[in-house]
């Protein structure tokens, strides 16, 4: 089975068979373009969603007035006492040590 002069074998019915994929090229291109547009739309929606989420978050550096940054730094410098001064506070207290324990919602 030698190829005929046109380069195709004799038993091949359609000499343009290898080019038949081009028949639906416009449909394929349209489908790919629609997929690209859809992906671009989804990317834009996702970015808008992230931007809206960023606006909902409270970011002190962005959302507080300028003078608040100094106050925030001062707050970070505060620390809870280690308990050494508690005896001094108790000695100056005006509270009744014999009073009943306060329980919210209970009437005495």
N, C-alpha and C. Protein backbone atom coordinates (compact mmCIF):
# COMPACT_ATOMS: atom_id res chain seq x y z
N UNK A 1 0.85 -1.18 0.00
CA UNK A 1 0.00 0.00 0.00
C UNK A 1 0.88 1.23 0.00
N UNK A 2 1.26 1.63 -1.16
CA UNK A 2 2.09 2.83 -1.32
C UNK A 2 1.20 4.05 -1.40
N UNK A 3 1.68 5.18 -0.86
CA UNK A 3 0.88 6.40 -0.99
C UNK A 3 0.74 6.77 -2.45
N UNK A 4 -0.39 7.37 -2.74
CA UNK A 4 -0.67 7.85 -4.09
C UNK A 4 0.07 9.18 -4.26
N UNK A 5 0.04 9.75 -5.42
CA UNK A 5 0.79 10.96 -5.71
C UNK A 5 0.44 12.16 -4.84
N UNK A 6 -0.79 12.23 -4.28
CA UNK A 6 -1.18 13.40 -3.47
C UNK A 6 -0.74 13.25 -2.01
N UNK A 7 -0.10 12.15 -1.65
CA UNK A 7 0.40 11.96 -0.29
C UNK A 7 -0.57 11.23 0.62
N UNK A 8 -1.74 10.87 0.11
CA UNK A 8 -2.74 10.17 0.93
C UNK A 8 -2.83 8.73 0.45
N UNK A 9 -3.17 7.86 1.37
CA UNK A 9 -3.34 6.46 0.98
C UNK A 9 -4.64 6.31 0.19
N UNK A 10 -4.71 5.29 -0.60
CA UNK A 10 -5.87 5.08 -1.47
C UNK A 10 -7.14 4.81 -0.68
N UNK A 11 -7.02 4.07 0.44
CA UNK A 11 -8.23 3.68 1.15
C UNK A 11 -8.82 4.81 1.98
N UNK A 12 -8.15 5.95 2.11
CA UNK A 12 -8.69 7.09 2.86
C UNK A 12 -9.74 7.77 1.99
N UNK A 13 -10.99 7.81 2.48
CA UNK A 13 -12.09 8.34 1.69
C UNK A 13 -12.03 9.85 1.55
N UNK A 14 -11.74 10.56 2.66
CA UNK A 14 -11.76 12.02 2.62
C UNK A 14 -10.34 12.54 2.70
N UNK A 15 -9.87 13.16 1.66
CA UNK A 15 -8.48 13.66 1.68
C UNK A 15 -8.30 14.84 2.63
N UNK A 16 -9.41 15.44 3.10
CA UNK A 16 -9.32 16.60 4.01
C UNK A 16 -9.63 16.22 5.46
N UNK A 17 -9.56 14.94 5.77
CA UNK A 17 -9.93 14.46 7.11
C UNK A 17 -9.10 15.12 8.21
N UNK A 18 -7.82 15.33 7.94
CA UNK A 18 -6.98 15.91 8.98
C UNK A 18 -7.31 17.38 9.25
N UNK A 19 -8.10 18.01 8.36
CA UNK A 19 -8.46 19.41 8.54
C UNK A 19 -9.91 19.58 9.02
N UNK A 20 -10.59 18.49 9.31
CA UNK A 20 -12.00 18.56 9.69
C UNK A 20 -12.20 19.25 11.04
N UNK A 21 -11.19 19.27 11.89
CA UNK A 21 -11.32 19.95 13.18
C UNK A 21 -11.58 21.43 12.99
N UNK A 22 -11.19 21.98 11.84
CA UNK A 22 -11.39 23.41 11.60
C UNK A 22 -12.86 23.76 11.33
N UNK A 23 -13.65 22.73 11.06
CA UNK A 23 -15.06 22.97 10.75
C UNK A 23 -15.77 23.68 11.91
N UNK A 24 -15.45 23.32 13.14
CA UNK A 24 -16.11 23.88 14.32
C UNK A 24 -15.22 24.88 15.05
N UNK A 25 -14.27 25.45 14.36
CA UNK A 25 -13.30 26.35 14.99
C UNK A 25 -13.99 27.57 15.60
N UNK A 26 -14.98 28.14 14.91
CA UNK A 26 -15.67 29.33 15.42
C UNK A 26 -16.42 29.02 16.72
N UNK A 27 -17.08 27.87 16.76
CA UNK A 27 -17.78 27.47 17.99
C UNK A 27 -16.79 27.27 19.14
N UNK A 28 -15.66 26.63 18.83
CA UNK A 28 -14.64 26.41 19.85
C UNK A 28 -14.10 27.75 20.36
N UNK A 29 -13.80 28.65 19.45
CA UNK A 29 -13.28 29.97 19.84
C UNK A 29 -14.31 30.72 20.70
N UNK A 30 -15.57 30.65 20.30
CA UNK A 30 -16.63 31.33 21.06
C UNK A 30 -16.74 30.73 22.48
N UNK A 31 -16.65 29.41 22.57
CA UNK A 31 -16.74 28.74 23.87
C UNK A 31 -15.55 29.14 24.76
N UNK A 32 -14.35 29.17 24.21
CA UNK A 32 -13.17 29.54 24.99
C UNK A 32 -13.28 31.00 25.43
N UNK A 33 -13.75 31.86 24.55
CA UNK A 33 -13.91 33.28 24.90
C UNK A 33 -14.93 33.46 26.01
N UNK A 34 -16.03 32.72 25.96
CA UNK A 34 -17.04 32.79 27.02
C UNK A 34 -16.46 32.31 28.35
N UNK A 35 -15.68 31.25 28.31
CA UNK A 35 -15.05 30.74 29.54
C UNK A 35 -14.08 31.77 30.12
N UNK A 36 -13.32 32.43 29.26
CA UNK A 36 -12.39 33.47 29.73
C UNK A 36 -13.14 34.64 30.35
N UNK A 37 -14.23 35.06 29.70
CA UNK A 37 -15.03 36.16 30.25
C UNK A 37 -15.65 35.78 31.58
N UNK A 38 -16.12 34.54 31.68
CA UNK A 38 -16.71 34.06 32.93
C UNK A 38 -15.66 34.04 34.04
N UNK A 39 -14.46 33.58 33.72
CA UNK A 39 -13.38 33.54 34.71
C UNK A 39 -13.01 34.95 35.15
N UNK A 40 -12.95 35.88 34.21
CA UNK A 40 -12.64 37.27 34.54
C UNK A 40 -13.73 37.86 35.44
N UNK A 41 -14.99 37.55 35.14
CA UNK A 41 -16.11 38.03 35.96
C UNK A 41 -16.00 37.46 37.38
N UNK A 42 -15.71 36.16 37.49
CA UNK A 42 -15.58 35.55 38.81
C UNK A 42 -14.42 36.16 39.59
N UNK A 43 -13.31 36.44 38.91
CA UNK A 43 -12.16 37.06 39.57
C UNK A 43 -12.53 38.45 40.10
N UNK A 44 -13.27 39.22 39.28
CA UNK A 44 -13.69 40.56 39.73
C UNK A 44 -14.63 40.47 40.93
N UNK A 45 -15.58 39.54 40.89
CA UNK A 45 -16.52 39.36 42.00
C UNK A 45 -15.79 38.96 43.27
N UNK A 46 -14.84 38.06 43.13
CA UNK A 46 -14.07 37.61 44.27
C UNK A 46 -13.27 38.75 44.88
N UNK A 47 -12.66 39.58 44.01
CA UNK A 47 -11.89 40.72 44.51
C UNK A 47 -12.80 41.73 45.21
N UNK A 48 -13.99 41.98 44.66
CA UNK A 48 -14.95 42.88 45.30
C UNK A 48 -15.36 42.34 46.66
N UNK A 49 -15.57 41.02 46.75
CA UNK A 49 -15.94 40.40 48.02
C UNK A 49 -14.82 40.60 49.04
N UNK A 50 -13.57 40.40 48.62
CA UNK A 50 -12.44 40.60 49.53
C UNK A 50 -12.34 42.06 49.98
N UNK A 51 -12.58 42.99 49.05
CA UNK A 51 -12.54 44.41 49.40
C UNK A 51 -13.63 44.76 50.41
N UNK A 52 -14.83 44.22 50.21
CA UNK A 52 -15.92 44.47 51.17
C UNK A 52 -15.58 43.88 52.53
N UNK A 53 -14.98 42.70 52.54
CA UNK A 53 -14.61 42.06 53.79
C UNK A 53 -13.56 42.89 54.52
N UNK A 54 -12.61 43.45 53.78
CA UNK A 54 -11.59 44.31 54.38
C UNK A 54 -12.22 45.54 55.02
N UNK A 55 -13.26 46.07 54.41
CA UNK A 55 -13.93 47.25 54.96
C UNK A 55 -14.65 46.91 56.25
N UNK A 56 -15.13 45.67 56.37
CA UNK A 56 -15.87 45.26 57.57
C UNK A 56 -14.94 45.02 58.76
N UNK A 57 -13.69 44.67 58.50
CA UNK A 57 -12.74 44.42 59.58
C UNK A 57 -12.33 45.74 60.22
N UNK A 58 -12.13 45.73 61.53
CA UNK A 58 -11.65 46.90 62.25
C UNK A 58 -10.13 46.85 62.28
N UNK A 59 -9.52 47.77 61.58
CA UNK A 59 -8.06 47.86 61.54
C UNK A 59 -7.69 49.18 62.20
N UNK A 60 -7.14 49.13 63.42
CA UNK A 60 -6.89 50.36 64.18
C UNK A 60 -6.05 51.38 63.42
N UNK A 61 -5.02 50.95 62.75
CA UNK A 61 -4.16 51.90 62.05
C UNK A 61 -4.93 52.66 60.97
N UNK A 62 -5.94 52.01 60.41
CA UNK A 62 -6.70 52.64 59.34
C UNK A 62 -7.95 53.33 59.87
N UNK A 63 -8.63 52.72 60.85
CA UNK A 63 -9.96 53.18 61.24
C UNK A 63 -9.98 54.16 62.41
N UNK A 64 -8.93 54.21 63.21
CA UNK A 64 -8.92 55.15 64.34
C UNK A 64 -8.37 56.49 63.90
N UNK A 65 -8.83 57.59 64.54
CA UNK A 65 -8.24 58.90 64.24
C UNK A 65 -6.75 58.89 64.59
N UNK A 66 -6.01 59.85 64.07
CA UNK A 66 -4.55 59.86 64.23
C UNK A 66 -4.12 59.89 65.70
N UNK A 67 -4.80 60.66 66.56
CA UNK A 67 -4.43 60.76 67.97
C UNK A 67 -4.64 59.47 68.73
N UNK A 68 -5.45 58.59 68.18
CA UNK A 68 -5.75 57.34 68.87
C UNK A 68 -4.55 56.39 68.85
N UNK A 69 -3.67 56.54 67.88
CA UNK A 69 -2.51 55.67 67.80
C UNK A 69 -1.62 55.81 69.02
N UNK A 70 -1.48 57.06 69.51
CA UNK A 70 -0.67 57.30 70.70
C UNK A 70 -1.33 56.67 71.92
N UNK A 71 -2.65 56.82 72.02
CA UNK A 71 -3.39 56.22 73.12
C UNK A 71 -3.26 54.69 73.08
N UNK A 72 -3.31 54.15 71.88
CA UNK A 72 -3.19 52.70 71.72
C UNK A 72 -1.80 52.23 72.19
N UNK A 73 -0.77 52.99 71.88
CA UNK A 73 0.57 52.62 72.34
C UNK A 73 0.66 52.66 73.86
N UNK A 74 0.00 53.64 74.46
CA UNK A 74 -0.01 53.72 75.93
C UNK A 74 -0.73 52.51 76.52
N UNK A 75 -1.82 52.10 75.90
CA UNK A 75 -2.56 50.94 76.39
C UNK A 75 -1.71 49.67 76.30
N UNK A 76 -0.94 49.55 75.25
CA UNK A 76 -0.07 48.38 75.13
C UNK A 76 0.99 48.36 76.23
N UNK A 77 1.36 49.53 76.73
CA UNK A 77 2.37 49.61 77.78
C UNK A 77 1.85 49.26 79.15
N UNK A 78 0.54 49.24 79.32
CA UNK A 78 -0.04 48.91 80.62
C UNK A 78 0.11 47.42 80.91
N UNK A 79 0.23 47.09 82.18
CA UNK A 79 0.30 45.68 82.56
C UNK A 79 -0.53 45.46 83.81
N UNK A 80 -0.98 44.25 83.98
CA UNK A 80 -1.75 43.87 85.15
C UNK A 80 -0.78 43.69 86.31
N UNK A 81 -1.21 44.13 87.52
CA UNK A 81 -0.35 44.02 88.70
C UNK A 81 -0.02 42.58 89.04
N UNK A 82 1.10 42.38 89.71
CA UNK A 82 1.54 41.03 90.04
C UNK A 82 1.05 40.58 91.42
N UNK A 83 0.22 41.39 92.09
CA UNK A 83 -0.37 40.96 93.35
C UNK A 83 0.36 41.48 94.58
N UNK A 84 1.50 42.13 94.44
CA UNK A 84 2.24 42.62 95.61
C UNK A 84 1.53 43.77 96.30
N UNK A 85 0.77 44.57 95.55
CA UNK A 85 0.10 45.73 96.15
C UNK A 85 -1.28 45.42 96.68
N UNK A 86 -1.72 44.17 96.62
CA UNK A 86 -3.09 43.84 97.04
C UNK A 86 -3.29 44.01 98.55
N UNK A 87 -2.29 43.73 99.37
CA UNK A 87 -2.43 43.90 100.82
C UNK A 87 -2.64 45.37 101.16
N UNK A 88 -1.95 46.25 100.44
CA UNK A 88 -2.09 47.69 100.66
C UNK A 88 -3.50 48.16 100.33
N UNK A 89 -4.07 47.63 99.26
CA UNK A 89 -5.43 48.00 98.87
C UNK A 89 -6.42 47.51 99.91
N UNK A 90 -6.24 46.29 100.41
CA UNK A 90 -7.16 45.75 101.40
C UNK A 90 -7.12 46.53 102.71
N UNK A 91 -5.97 47.03 103.11
CA UNK A 91 -5.86 47.77 104.37
C UNK A 91 -6.56 49.12 104.28
N UNK A 92 -6.69 49.70 103.08
CA UNK A 92 -7.34 51.01 102.90
C UNK A 92 -8.82 50.87 102.52
N UNK A 93 -9.33 49.66 102.39
CA UNK A 93 -10.68 49.44 101.90
C UNK A 93 -11.73 49.85 102.92
N UNK A 94 -12.86 50.38 102.43
CA UNK A 94 -14.00 50.77 103.28
C UNK A 94 -15.09 49.70 103.26
N UNK A 95 -14.86 48.58 102.58
CA UNK A 95 -15.89 47.55 102.46
C UNK A 95 -16.02 46.74 103.75
N UNK A 96 -17.23 46.23 104.01
CA UNK A 96 -17.52 45.43 105.19
C UNK A 96 -17.06 43.99 104.91
N UNK A 97 -16.05 43.51 105.63
CA UNK A 97 -15.58 42.14 105.39
C UNK A 97 -16.59 41.08 105.82
N UNK A 98 -17.58 41.44 106.66
CA UNK A 98 -18.56 40.47 107.14
C UNK A 98 -19.82 40.44 106.26
N UNK A 99 -19.87 41.24 105.21
CA UNK A 99 -21.07 41.30 104.36
C UNK A 99 -21.24 40.00 103.59
N UNK A 100 -22.52 39.68 103.24
CA UNK A 100 -22.81 38.49 102.45
C UNK A 100 -22.22 38.66 101.05
N UNK A 101 -21.92 37.54 100.45
CA UNK A 101 -21.39 37.59 99.08
C UNK A 101 -22.48 38.03 98.14
N UNK A 102 -22.15 38.94 97.23
CA UNK A 102 -23.12 39.44 96.25
C UNK A 102 -23.32 38.40 95.15
N UNK A 103 -24.59 38.06 94.92
CA UNK A 103 -24.96 37.15 93.86
C UNK A 103 -25.97 37.88 92.97
N UNK A 104 -25.67 38.13 91.71
CA UNK A 104 -26.61 38.83 90.85
C UNK A 104 -27.95 38.10 90.75
N UNK A 105 -29.02 38.87 90.80
CA UNK A 105 -30.37 38.30 90.64
C UNK A 105 -30.98 37.81 91.94
N UNK A 106 -30.23 37.75 93.05
CA UNK A 106 -30.77 37.26 94.34
C UNK A 106 -31.07 38.49 95.19
N UNK A 107 -32.29 38.52 95.74
CA UNK A 107 -32.69 39.64 96.61
C UNK A 107 -32.54 39.21 98.06
N UNK A 108 -31.98 40.09 98.90
CA UNK A 108 -31.76 39.76 100.31
C UNK A 108 -32.81 40.39 101.18
